Amino acid sequence: VDRALQGTPLPLPAWTVLPILLLAAAAFVVIFRARPRELPWIF
């Protein structure tokens, strides 16, 4: 624990937000069992 708590995260640049949100939306389509054509709406 003591050694683990020494880590400091390095945030991602702002341009990565939209690709990551698209990745999340695609995963949510499967996790929540939605229709594939609803991906743009979920995104």
All heavy atoms as atom14 arrays in JSON, in Angstrom:
{
  "sequence": "VDRALQGTPLPLPAWTVLPILLLAAAAFVVIFRARPRELPWIF",
  "atom14_mask": [
    [1, 1, 1, 1, 1, 1, 1, 0, 0, 0, 0, 0, 0, 0],
    [1, 1, 1, 1, 1, 1, 1, 1, 0, 0, 0, 0, 0, 0],
    [1, 1, 1, 1, 1, 1, 1, 1, 1, 1, 1, 0, 0, 0],
    [1, 1, 1, 1, 1, 0, 0, 0, 0, 0, 0, 0, 0, 0],
    [1, 1, 1, 1, 1, 1, 1, 1, 0, 0, 0, 0, 0, 0],
    [1, 1, 1, 1, 1, 1, 1, 1, 1, 0, 0, 0, 0, 0],
    [1, 1, 1, 1, 0, 0, 0, 0, 0, 0, 0, 0, 0, 0],
    [1, 1, 1, 1, 1, 1, 1, 0, 0, 0, 0, 0, 0, 0],
    [1, 1, 1, 1, 1, 1, 1, 0, 0, 0, 0, 0, 0, 0],
    [1, 1, 1, 1, 1, 1, 1, 1, 0, 0, 0, 0, 0, 0],
    [1, 1, 1, 1, 1, 1, 1, 0, 0, 0, 0, 0, 0, 0],
    [1, 1, 1, 1, 1, 1, 1, 1, 0, 0, 0, 0, 0, 0],
    [1, 1, 1, 1, 1, 1, 1, 0, 0, 0, 0, 0, 0, 0],
    [1, 1, 1, 1, 1, 0, 0, 0, 0, 0, 0, 0, 0, 0],
    [1, 1, 1, 1, 1, 1, 1, 1, 1, 1, 1, 1, 1, 1],
    [1, 1, 1, 1, 1, 1, 1, 0, 0, 0, 0, 0, 0, 0],
    [1, 1, 1, 1, 1, 1, 1, 0, 0, 0, 0, 0, 0, 0],
    [1, 1, 1, 1, 1, 1, 1, 1, 0, 0, 0, 0, 0, 0],
    [1, 1, 1, 1, 1, 1, 1, 0, 0, 0, 0, 0, 0, 0],
    [1, 1, 1, 1, 1, 1, 1, 1, 0, 0, 0, 0, 0, 0],
    [1, 1, 1, 1, 1, 1, 1, 1, 0, 0, 0, 0, 0, 0],
    [1, 1, 1, 1, 1, 1, 1, 1, 0, 0, 0, 0, 0, 0],
    [1, 1, 1, 1, 1, 1, 1, 1, 0, 0, 0, 0, 0, 0],
    [1, 1, 1, 1, 1, 0, 0, 0, 0, 0, 0, 0, 0, 0],
    [1, 1, 1, 1, 1, 0, 0, 0, 0, 0, 0, 0, 0, 0],
    [1, 1, 1, 1, 1, 0, 0, 0, 0, 0, 0, 0, 0, 0],
    [1, 1, 1, 1, 1, 0, 0, 0, 0, 0, 0, 0, 0, 0],
    [1, 1, 1, 1, 1, 1, 1, 1, 1, 1, 1, 0, 0, 0],
    [1, 1, 1, 1, 1, 1, 1, 0, 0, 0, 0, 0, 0, 0],
    [1, 1, 1, 1, 1, 1, 1, 0, 0, 0, 0, 0, 0, 0],
    [1, 1, 1, 1, 1, 1, 1, 1, 0, 0, 0, 0, 0, 0],
    [1, 1, 1, 1, 1, 1, 1, 1, 1, 1, 1, 0, 0, 0],
    [1, 1, 1, 1, 1, 1, 1, 1, 1, 1, 1, 0, 0, 0],
    [1, 1, 1, 1, 1, 0, 0, 0, 0, 0, 0, 0, 0, 0],
    [1, 1, 1, 1, 1, 1, 1, 1, 1, 1, 1, 0, 0, 0],
    [1, 1, 1, 1, 1, 1, 1, 0, 0, 0, 0, 0, 0, 0],
    [1, 1, 1, 1, 1, 1, 1, 1, 1, 1, 1, 0, 0, 0],
    [1, 1, 1, 1, 1, 1, 1, 1, 1, 0, 0, 0, 0, 0],
    [1, 1, 1, 1, 1, 1, 1, 1, 0, 0, 0, 0, 0, 0],
    [1, 1, 1, 1, 1, 1, 1, 0, 0, 0, 0, 0, 0, 0],
    [1, 1, 1, 1, 1, 1, 1, 1, 1, 1, 1, 1, 1, 1],
    [1, 1, 1, 1, 1, 1, 1, 1, 0, 0, 0, 0, 0, 0],
    [1, 1, 1, 1, 1, 1, 1, 1, 1, 1, 1, 0, 0, 0]
  ],
  "atom14_positions": [
    [[0.82, -1.21, 0.0], [0.0, 0.0, 0.0], [0.85, 1.26, 0.0], [0.61, 2.2, -0.77], [-0.96, -0.01, 1.2], [-1.65, 1.35, 1.35], [-2.01, -1.1, 1.03], [0.0, 0.0, 0.0], [0.0, 0.0, 0.0], [0.0, 0.0, 0.0], [0.0, 0.0, 0.0], [0.0, 0.0, 0.0], [0.0, 0.0, 0.0], [0.0, 0.0, 0.0]],
    [[1.85, 1.32, 0.86], [2.66, 2.54, 0.96], [3.32, 2.89, -0.37], [3.33, 4.05, -0.78], [3.72, 2.36, 2.04], [3.11, 2.31, 3.44], [1.99, 2.82, 3.59], [3.75, 1.75, 4.35], [0.0, 0.0, 0.0], [0.0, 0.0, 0.0], [0.0, 0.0, 0.0], [0.0, 0.0, 0.0], [0.0, 0.0, 0.0], [0.0, 0.0, 0.0]],
    [[3.87, 1.89, -1.05], [4.51, 2.16, -2.33], [3.47, 2.51, -3.4], [3.71, 3.33, -4.28], [5.32, 0.94, -2.78], [6.15, 1.19, -4.03], [7.13, 0.07, -4.27], [6.46, -1.22, -4.35], [7.1, -2.37, -4.56], [8.41, -2.39, -4.68], [6.44, -3.5, -4.61], [0.0, 0.0, 0.0], [0.0, 0.0, 0.0], [0.0, 0.0, 0.0]],
    [[2.27, 1.91, -3.33], [1.23, 2.16, -4.34], [0.73, 3.59, -4.26], [0.41, 4.21, -5.29], [0.07, 1.19, -4.16], [0.0, 0.0, 0.0], [0.0, 0.0, 0.0], [0.0, 0.0, 0.0], [0.0, 0.0, 0.0], [0.0, 0.0, 0.0], [0.0, 0.0, 0.0], [0.0, 0.0, 0.0], [0.0, 0.0, 0.0], [0.0, 0.0, 0.0]],
    [[0.65, 4.16, -3.05], [0.1, 5.5, -2.89], [1.04, 6.6, -3.37], [0.67, 7.78, -3.38], [-0.24, 5.74, -1.41], [-1.39, 4.89, -0.85], [-1.57, 5.14, 0.62], [-2.68, 5.14, -1.61], [0.0, 0.0, 0.0], [0.0, 0.0, 0.0], [0.0, 0.0, 0.0], [0.0, 0.0, 0.0], [0.0, 0.0, 0.0], [0.0, 0.0, 0.0]],
    [[2.26, 6.25, -3.77], [3.2, 7.26, -4.24], [2.97, 7.66, -5.69], [3.53, 8.64, -6.17], [4.64, 6.74, -4.09], [5.03, 6.48, -2.65], [6.42, 5.86, -2.52], [7.11, 5.67, -3.52], [6.81, 5.55, -1.28], [0.0, 0.0, 0.0], [0.0, 0.0, 0.0], [0.0, 0.0, 0.0], [0.0, 0.0, 0.0], [0.0, 0.0, 0.0]],
    [[2.14, 6.9, -6.41], [1.91, 7.17, -7.83], [1.03, 8.4, -8.05], [0.06, 8.63, -7.33], [0.0, 0.0, 0.0], [0.0, 0.0, 0.0], [0.0, 0.0, 0.0], [0.0, 0.0, 0.0], [0.0, 0.0, 0.0], [0.0, 0.0, 0.0], [0.0, 0.0, 0.0], [0.0, 0.0, 0.0], [0.0, 0.0, 0.0], [0.0, 0.0, 0.0]],
    [[1.39, 9.19, -9.05], [0.61, 10.36, -9.43], [0.2, 10.22, -10.89], [1.06, 10.08, -11.77], [1.42, 11.66, -9.26], [1.85, 11.76, -7.91], [0.58, 12.86, -9.62], [0.0, 0.0, 0.0], [0.0, 0.0, 0.0], [0.0, 0.0, 0.0], [0.0, 0.0, 0.0], [0.0, 0.0, 0.0], [0.0, 0.0, 0.0], [0.0, 0.0, 0.0]],
    [[-1.1, 10.24, -11.22], [-1.53, 10.03, -12.6], [-1.15, 11.19, -13.51], [-1.02, 12.33, -13.06], [-3.05, 9.9, -12.49], [-3.4, 10.62, -11.23], [-2.24, 10.42, -10.29], [0.0, 0.0, 0.0], [0.0, 0.0, 0.0], [0.0, 0.0, 0.0], [0.0, 0.0, 0.0], [0.0, 0.0, 0.0], [0.0, 0.0, 0.0], [0.0, 0.0, 0.0]],
    [[-0.96, 10.87, -14.78], [-0.68, 11.87, -15.8], [-1.91, 11.99, -16.69], [-2.19, 11.1, -17.5], [0.54, 11.45, -16.63], [1.86, 11.29, -15.84], [2.96, 10.77, -16.76], [2.27, 12.6, -15.2], [0.0, 0.0, 0.0], [0.0, 0.0, 0.0], [0.0, 0.0, 0.0], [0.0, 0.0, 0.0], [0.0, 0.0, 0.0], [0.0, 0.0, 0.0]],
    [[-2.7, 13.08, -16.57], [-3.95, 13.2, -17.33], [-3.7, 13.2, -18.84], [-2.64, 13.59, -19.32], [-4.53, 14.53, -16.86], [-3.88, 14.79, -15.55], [-2.5, 14.2, -15.64], [0.0, 0.0, 0.0], [0.0, 0.0, 0.0], [0.0, 0.0, 0.0], [0.0, 0.0, 0.0], [0.0, 0.0, 0.0], [0.0, 0.0, 0.0], [0.0, 0.0, 0.0]],
    [[-4.72, 12.78, -19.57], [-4.64, 12.74, -21.03], [-4.92, 14.11, -21.62], [-5.61, 14.94, -20.99], [-5.65, 11.73, -21.56], [-5.37, 10.26, -21.24], [-6.57, 9.41, -21.63], [-4.13, 9.76, -21.95], [0.0, 0.0, 0.0], [0.0, 0.0, 0.0], [0.0, 0.0, 0.0], [0.0, 0.0, 0.0], [0.0, 0.0, 0.0], [0.0, 0.0, 0.0]],
    [[-4.42, 14.41, -22.83], [-4.72, 15.7, -23.48], [-6.2, 15.81, -23.83], [-6.91, 14.81, -23.95], [-3.83, 15.68, -24.72], [-3.5, 14.24, -24.95], [-3.48, 13.59, -23.6], [0.0, 0.0, 0.0], [0.0, 0.0, 0.0], [0.0, 0.0, 0.0], [0.0, 0.0, 0.0], [0.0, 0.0, 0.0], [0.0, 0.0, 0.0], [0.0, 0.0, 0.0]],
    [[-6.64, 17.03, -24.05], [-8.07, 17.3, -24.27], [-8.6, 16.66, -25.54], [-9.78, 16.3, -25.61], [-8.31, 18.81, -24.29], [0.0, 0.0, 0.0], [0.0, 0.0, 0.0], [0.0, 0.0, 0.0], [0.0, 0.0, 0.0], [0.0, 0.0, 0.0], [0.0, 0.0, 0.0], [0.0, 0.0, 0.0], [0.0, 0.0, 0.0], [0.0, 0.0, 0.0]],
    [[-7.75, 16.5, -26.57], [-8.24, 15.98, -27.84], [-8.68, 14.52, -27.75], [-9.38, 14.02, -28.64], [-7.18, 16.12, -28.93], [-5.94, 15.29, -28.72], [-4.78, 15.69, -28.13], [-5.75, 13.92, -29.1], [-3.87, 14.66, -28.1], [-4.43, 13.57, -28.7], [-6.54, 12.97, -29.73], [-3.91, 12.3, -28.91], [-6.03, 11.69, -29.93], [-4.73, 11.36, -29.54]],
    [[-8.31, 13.82, -26.68], [-8.66, 12.4, -26.54], [-10.08, 12.18, -26.02], [-10.55, 11.05, -26.01], [-7.67, 11.7, -25.6], [-7.74, 12.31, -24.3], [-6.25, 11.8, -26.13], [0.0, 0.0, 0.0], [0.0, 0.0, 0.0], [0.0, 0.0, 0.0], [0.0, 0.0, 0.0], [0.0, 0.0, 0.0], [0.0, 0.0, 0.0], [0.0, 0.0, 0.0]],
    [[-10.76, 13.26, -25.61], [-12.06, 13.08, -24.96], [-13.08, 12.45, -25.91], [-13.75, 11.47, -25.56], [-12.57, 14.44, -24.43], [-14.02, 14.3, -23.96], [-11.69, 14.92, -23.3], [0.0, 0.0, 0.0], [0.0, 0.0, 0.0], [0.0, 0.0, 0.0], [0.0, 0.0, 0.0], [0.0, 0.0, 0.0], [0.0, 0.0, 0.0], [0.0, 0.0, 0.0]],
    [[-13.22, 13.0, -27.11], [-14.24, 12.49, -28.04], [-13.99, 11.04, -28.44], [-14.93, 10.23, -28.44], [-14.33, 13.39, -29.27], [-15.02, 14.75, -29.04], [-15.03, 15.56, -30.33], [-16.44, 14.56, -28.53], [0.0, 0.0, 0.0], [0.0, 0.0, 0.0], [0.0, 0.0, 0.0], [0.0, 0.0, 0.0], [0.0, 0.0, 0.0], [0.0, 0.0, 0.0]],
    [[-12.76, 10.64, -28.82], [-12.54, 9.21, -29.12], [-12.85, 8.3, -27.94], [-13.4, 7.21, -28.11], [-11.06, 9.16, -29.51], [-10.72, 10.53, -29.96], [-11.56, 11.44, -29.13], [0.0, 0.0, 0.0], [0.0, 0.0, 0.0], [0.0, 0.0, 0.0], [0.0, 0.0, 0.0], [0.0, 0.0, 0.0], [0.0, 0.0, 0.0], [0.0, 0.0, 0.0]],
    [[-12.51, 8.75, -26.73], [-12.78, 7.92, -25.55], [-14.29, 7.83, -25.29], [-14.8, 6.77, -24.92], [-12.03, 8.49, -24.34], [-10.52, 8.27, -24.52], [-12.49, 7.82, -23.05], [-9.67, 8.91, -23.46], [0.0, 0.0, 0.0], [0.0, 0.0, 0.0], [0.0, 0.0, 0.0], [0.0, 0.0, 0.0], [0.0, 0.0, 0.0], [0.0, 0.0, 0.0]],
    [[-15.0, 8.94, -25.48], [-16.46, 8.88, -25.33], [-17.1, 7.96, -26.37], [-18.07, 7.25, -26.07], [-17.05, 10.29, -25.44], [-16.83, 11.22, -24.25], [-17.38, 12.61, -24.56], [-17.48, 10.67, -22.99], [0.0, 0.0, 0.0], [0.0, 0.0, 0.0], [0.0, 0.0, 0.0], [0.0, 0.0, 0.0], [0.0, 0.0, 0.0], [0.0, 0.0, 0.0]],
    [[-16.58, 7.95, -27.59], [-17.09, 7.04, -28.6], [-16.83, 5.59, -28.2], [-17.69, 4.71, -28.38], [-16.44, 7.35, -29.96], [-16.85, 6.44, -31.12], [-18.36, 6.53, -31.36], [-16.08, 6.82, -32.39], [0.0, 0.0, 0.0], [0.0, 0.0, 0.0], [0.0, 0.0, 0.0], [0.0, 0.0, 0.0], [0.0, 0.0, 0.0], [0.0, 0.0, 0.0]],
    [[-15.64, 5.32, -27.65], [-15.33, 3.98, -27.15], [-16.3, 3.58, -26.06], [-16.83, 2.45, -26.04], [-13.89, 3.95, -26.63], [-13.43, 2.65, -25.97], [-13.34, 1.53, -27.0], [-12.07, 2.85, -25.3], [0.0, 0.0, 0.0], [0.0, 0.0, 0.0], [0.0, 0.0, 0.0], [0.0, 0.0, 0.0], [0.0, 0.0, 0.0], [0.0, 0.0, 0.0]],
    [[-16.58, 4.51, -25.14], [-17.52, 4.21, -24.06], [-18.91, 3.94, -24.61], [-19.6, 3.02, -24.17], [-17.55, 5.37, -23.07], [0.0, 0.0, 0.0], [0.0, 0.0, 0.0], [0.0, 0.0, 0.0], [0.0, 0.0, 0.0], [0.0, 0.0, 0.0], [0.0, 0.0, 0.0], [0.0, 0.0, 0.0], [0.0, 0.0, 0.0], [0.0, 0.0, 0.0]],
    [[-19.36, 4.75, -25.58], [-20.7, 4.57, -26.15], [-20.83, 3.2, -26.81], [-21.85, 2.52, -26.67], [-20.99, 5.68, -27.15], [0.0, 0.0, 0.0], [0.0, 0.0, 0.0], [0.0, 0.0, 0.0], [0.0, 0.0, 0.0], [0.0, 0.0, 0.0], [0.0, 0.0, 0.0], [0.0, 0.0, 0.0], [0.0, 0.0, 0.0], [0.0, 0.0, 0.0]],
    [[-19.79, 2.78, -27.55], [-19.84, 1.47, -28.21], [-19.91, 0.36, -27.17], [-20.63, -0.64, -27.36], [-18.6, 1.31, -29.09], [0.0, 0.0, 0.0], [0.0, 0.0, 0.0], [0.0, 0.0, 0.0], [0.0, 0.0, 0.0], [0.0, 0.0, 0.0], [0.0, 0.0, 0.0], [0.0, 0.0, 0.0], [0.0, 0.0, 0.0], [0.0, 0.0, 0.0]],
    [[-19.16, 0.51, -26.08], [-19.21, -0.52, -25.03], [-20.58, -0.54, -24.36], [-21.12, -1.62, -24.05], [-18.12, -0.25, -24.0], [0.0, 0.0, 0.0], [0.0, 0.0, 0.0], [0.0, 0.0, 0.0], [0.0, 0.0, 0.0], [0.0, 0.0, 0.0], [0.0, 0.0, 0.0], [0.0, 0.0, 0.0], [0.0, 0.0, 0.0], [0.0, 0.0, 0.0]],
    [[-21.18, 0.63, -24.14], [-22.5, 0.68, -23.49], [-23.57, 0.04, -24.36], [-24.54, -0.52, -23.83], [-22.87, 2.13, -23.18], [-22.01, 2.78, -22.13], [-21.81, 4.16, -22.13], [-21.39, 2.02, -21.16], [-21.01, 4.76, -21.17], [-20.58, 2.61, -20.19], [-20.4, 3.98, -20.2], [0.0, 0.0, 0.0], [0.0, 0.0, 0.0], [0.0, 0.0, 0.0]],
    [[-23.44, 0.13, -25.67], [-24.41, -0.53, -26.56], [-24.47, -2.02, -26.26], [-25.55, -2.63, -26.21], [-24.05, -0.28, -28.04], [-24.85, -1.19, -28.96], [-24.29, 1.17, -28.41], [0.0, 0.0, 0.0], [0.0, 0.0, 0.0], [0.0, 0.0, 0.0], [0.0, 0.0, 0.0], [0.0, 0.0, 0.0], [0.0, 0.0, 0.0], [0.0, 0.0, 0.0]],
    [[-23.32, -2.63, -26.02], [-23.27, -4.07, -25.76], [-23.64, -4.37, -24.31], [-24.43, -5.28, -24.04], [-21.87, -4.62, -26.08], [-21.79, -6.11, -25.76], [-21.53, -4.39, -27.55], [0.0, 0.0, 0.0], [0.0, 0.0, 0.0], [0.0, 0.0, 0.0], [0.0, 0.0, 0.0], [0.0, 0.0, 0.0], [0.0, 0.0, 0.0], [0.0, 0.0, 0.0]],
    [[-23.09, -3.61, -23.37], [-23.33, -3.88, -21.95], [-24.82, -3.77, -21.61], [-25.38, -4.6, -20.9], [-22.51, -2.92, -21.08], [-21.01, -3.22, -21.23], [-22.92, -3.04, -19.61], [-20.13, -2.21, -20.53], [0.0, 0.0, 0.0], [0.0, 0.0, 0.0], [0.0, 0.0, 0.0], [0.0, 0.0, 0.0], [0.0, 0.0, 0.0], [0.0, 0.0, 0.0]],
    [[-25.48, -2.74, -22.17], [-26.89, -2.51, -21.89], [-27.8, -3.13, -22.94], [-29.0, -2.87, -22.94], [-27.17, -1.01, -21.76], [-26.39, -0.36, -20.65], [-25.69, 0.81, -20.87], [-26.36, -0.92, -19.39], [-24.97, 1.42, -19.85], [-25.64, -0.34, -18.36], [-24.95, 0.84, -18.59], [0.0, 0.0, 0.0], [0.0, 0.0, 0.0], [0.0, 0.0, 0.0]],
    [[-27.22, -3.89, -23.87], [-27.98, -4.66, -24.86], [-28.91, -3.77, -25.7], [-30.11, -4.02, -25.81], [-28.77, -5.77, -24.17], [-27.88, -6.82, -23.52], [-28.7, -7.8, -22.69], [-27.89, -8.89, -22.21], [-27.11, -8.85, -21.13], [-27.06, -7.73, -20.42], [-26.4, -9.88, -20.76], [0.0, 0.0, 0.0], [0.0, 0.0, 0.0], [0.0, 0.0, 0.0]],
    [[-28.33, -2.73, -26.25], [-29.09, -1.83, -27.12], [-28.97, -2.28, -28.57], [-28.18, -3.17, -28.91], [-28.59, -0.4, -26.96], [0.0, 0.0, 0.0], [0.0, 0.0, 0.0], [0.0, 0.0, 0.0], [0.0, 0.0, 0.0], [0.0, 0.0, 0.0], [0.0, 0.0, 0.0], [0.0, 0.0, 0.0], [0.0, 0.0, 0.0], [0.0, 0.0, 0.0]],
    [[-29.74, -1.65, -29.44], [-29.65, -1.94, -30.87], [-28.42, -1.25, -31.46], [-28.08, -0.13, -31.06], [-30.91, -1.46, -31.58], [-32.18, -2.19, -31.16], [-33.4, -1.43, -31.61], [-34.64, -2.14, -31.32], [-35.84, -1.6, -31.36], [-35.97, -0.32, -31.68], [-36.92, -2.31, -31.09], [0.0, 0.0, 0.0], [0.0, 0.0, 0.0], [0.0, 0.0, 0.0]],
    [[-27.76, -1.85, -32.44], [-26.56, -1.22, -33.02], [-26.84, 0.16, -33.61], [-25.99, 1.05, -33.53], [-26.11, -2.22, -34.09], [-26.69, -3.52, -33.67], [-27.98, -3.2, -32.98], [0.0, 0.0, 0.0], [0.0, 0.0, 0.0], [0.0, 0.0, 0.0], [0.0, 0.0, 0.0], [0.0, 0.0, 0.0], [0.0, 0.0, 0.0], [0.0, 0.0, 0.0]],
    [[-28.03, 0.34, -34.21], [-28.32, 1.63, -34.84], [-28.5, 2.76, -33.84], [-28.59, 3.93, -34.25], [-29.56, 1.5, -35.73], [-30.86, 1.27, -34.99], [-32.04, 1.32, -35.95], [-33.32, 1.16, -35.33], [-33.97, 0.01, -35.22], [-33.41, -1.1, -35.71], [-35.15, -0.06, -34.65], [0.0, 0.0, 0.0], [0.0, 0.0, 0.0], [0.0, 0.0, 0.0]],
    [[-28.53, 2.44, -32.55], [-28.68, 3.47, -31.54], [-27.34, 4.01, -31.05], [-27.3, 4.88, -30.18], [-29.49, 2.93, -30.36], [-30.98, 2.77, -30.72], [-31.73, 1.87, -29.76], [-31.07, 1.22, -28.91], [-32.97, 1.81, -29.86], [0.0, 0.0, 0.0], [0.0, 0.0, 0.0], [0.0, 0.0, 0.0], [0.0, 0.0, 0.0], [0.0, 0.0, 0.0]],
    [[-26.23, 3.51, -31.62], [-24.91, 4.0, -31.21], [-24.75, 5.51, -31.39], [-24.26, 6.18, -30.47], [-23.82, 3.25, -31.98], [-22.38, 3.74, -31.76], [-21.99, 3.66, -30.3], [-21.41, 2.95, -32.64], [0.0, 0.0, 0.0], [0.0, 0.0, 0.0], [0.0, 0.0, 0.0], [0.0, 0.0, 0.0], [0.0, 0.0, 0.0], [0.0, 0.0, 0.0]],
    [[-25.15, 6.12, -32.53], [-25.0, 7.58, -32.64], [-25.76, 8.35, -31.56], [-25.26, 9.36, -31.05], [-25.53, 7.89, -34.04], [-25.4, 6.62, -34.8], [-25.65, 5.53, -33.79], [0.0, 0.0, 0.0], [0.0, 0.0, 0.0], [0.0, 0.0, 0.0], [0.0, 0.0, 0.0], [0.0, 0.0, 0.0], [0.0, 0.0, 0.0], [0.0, 0.0, 0.0]],
    [[-26.96, 7.87, -31.23], [-27.75, 8.55, -30.19], [-27.07, 8.42, -28.83], [-27.03, 9.39, -28.05], [-29.16, 7.96, -30.13], [-29.97, 8.16, -31.36], [-30.23, 7.22, -32.34], [-30.65, 9.35, -31.78], [-31.02, 7.76, -33.32], [-31.3, 9.06, -33.0], [-30.77, 10.63, -31.23], [-32.04, 10.02, -33.69], [-31.52, 11.57, -31.91], [-32.15, 11.26, -33.12]],
    [[-26.55, 7.24, -28.52], [-25.88, 7.03, -27.24], [-24.6, 7.85, -27.17], [-24.26, 8.42, -26.12], [-25.61, 5.52, -27.04], [-26.94, 4.79, -26.85], [-24.69, 5.27, -25.86], [-26.82, 3.28, -26.73], [0.0, 0.0, 0.0], [0.0, 0.0, 0.0], [0.0, 0.0, 0.0], [0.0, 0.0, 0.0], [0.0, 0.0, 0.0], [0.0, 0.0, 0.0]],
    [[-23.88, 7.93, -28.28], [-22.67, 8.75, -28.33], [-23.01, 10.22, -28.07], [-22.33, 10.91, -27.31], [-21.99, 8.57, -29.68], [-20.74, 9.39, -29.88], [-19.78, 9.49, -28.88], [-20.53, 10.07, -31.07], [-18.63, 10.24, -29.06], [-19.38, 10.83, -31.26], [-18.44, 10.92, -30.26], [0.0, 0.0, 0.0], [0.0, 0.0, 0.0], [0.0, 0.0, 0.0]]
  ]
}
